[in-house]
Amino acid sequence: MDKYTKTVLTVIAFALVLIATQNAITPAKARGDCGNADYNPCYVRLVK
């Protein structure tokens, strides 16, 4: 493998690690329509 390929793969691996740790440290929050209240993400079921 040449130096360019190793560099590109290292940058991609580093970015994936950053994304994984960011999601582990700060979990996703859902925003409600009433004020500034934060809610935990929930499952929304479509009722027919």
Protein backbone atom coordinates (compact mmCIF):
# COMPACT_ATOMS: atom_id res chain seq x y z
CA MET A 1 0.00 0.00 0.00
CA ASP A 2 1.30 3.44 -0.76
CA LYS A 3 1.52 6.35 1.66
CA TYR A 4 -1.54 8.15 0.25
CA THR A 5 -3.82 5.13 0.73
CA LYS A 6 -2.61 4.59 4.29
CA THR A 7 -3.23 8.25 5.10
CA VAL A 8 -6.76 8.23 3.65
CA LEU A 9 -7.67 5.02 5.50
CA THR A 10 -6.25 6.42 8.75
CA VAL A 11 -8.33 9.60 8.39
CA ILE A 12 -11.48 7.55 7.70
CA ALA A 13 -10.81 5.30 10.71
CA PHE A 14 -10.21 8.31 12.95
CA ALA A 15 -13.47 9.93 11.78
CA LEU A 16 -15.41 6.74 12.48
CA VAL A 17 -13.95 6.53 15.99
CA LEU A 18 -14.93 10.17 16.62
CA ILE A 19 -18.49 9.53 15.44
CA ALA A 20 -18.81 6.41 17.62
CA THR A 21 -17.49 8.13 20.75
CA GLN A 22 -19.62 11.22 20.17
CA ASN A 23 -22.79 9.11 20.05
CA ALA A 24 -21.72 7.16 23.15
CA ILE A 25 -20.98 10.31 25.17
CA THR A 26 -23.98 12.45 24.17
CA PRO A 27 -27.06 10.32 23.44
CA ALA A 28 -29.69 11.64 21.06
CA LYS A 29 -32.54 13.73 22.43
CA ALA A 30 -35.88 14.44 20.79
CA ARG A 31 -37.31 17.95 20.90
CA GLY A 32 -40.94 18.43 21.83
CA ASP A 33 -43.25 21.05 20.37
CA CYS A 34 -44.00 22.63 23.73
CA GLY A 35 -41.20 24.90 24.93
CA ASN A 36 -37.59 23.94 25.49
CA ALA A 37 -38.23 20.57 27.16
CA ASP A 38 -35.95 17.72 26.08
CA TYR A 39 -37.36 14.24 25.83
CA ASN A 40 -35.78 10.83 25.43
CA PRO A 41 -36.24 9.40 21.94
CA CYS A 42 -39.41 7.31 21.69
CA TYR A 43 -41.09 4.91 19.32
CA VAL A 44 -43.94 6.39 17.29
CA ARG A 45 -46.55 3.93 16.03
CA LEU A 46 -48.82 4.77 13.12
CA VAL A 47 -52.46 4.05 14.02
CA LYS A 48 -54.78 3.31 11.10
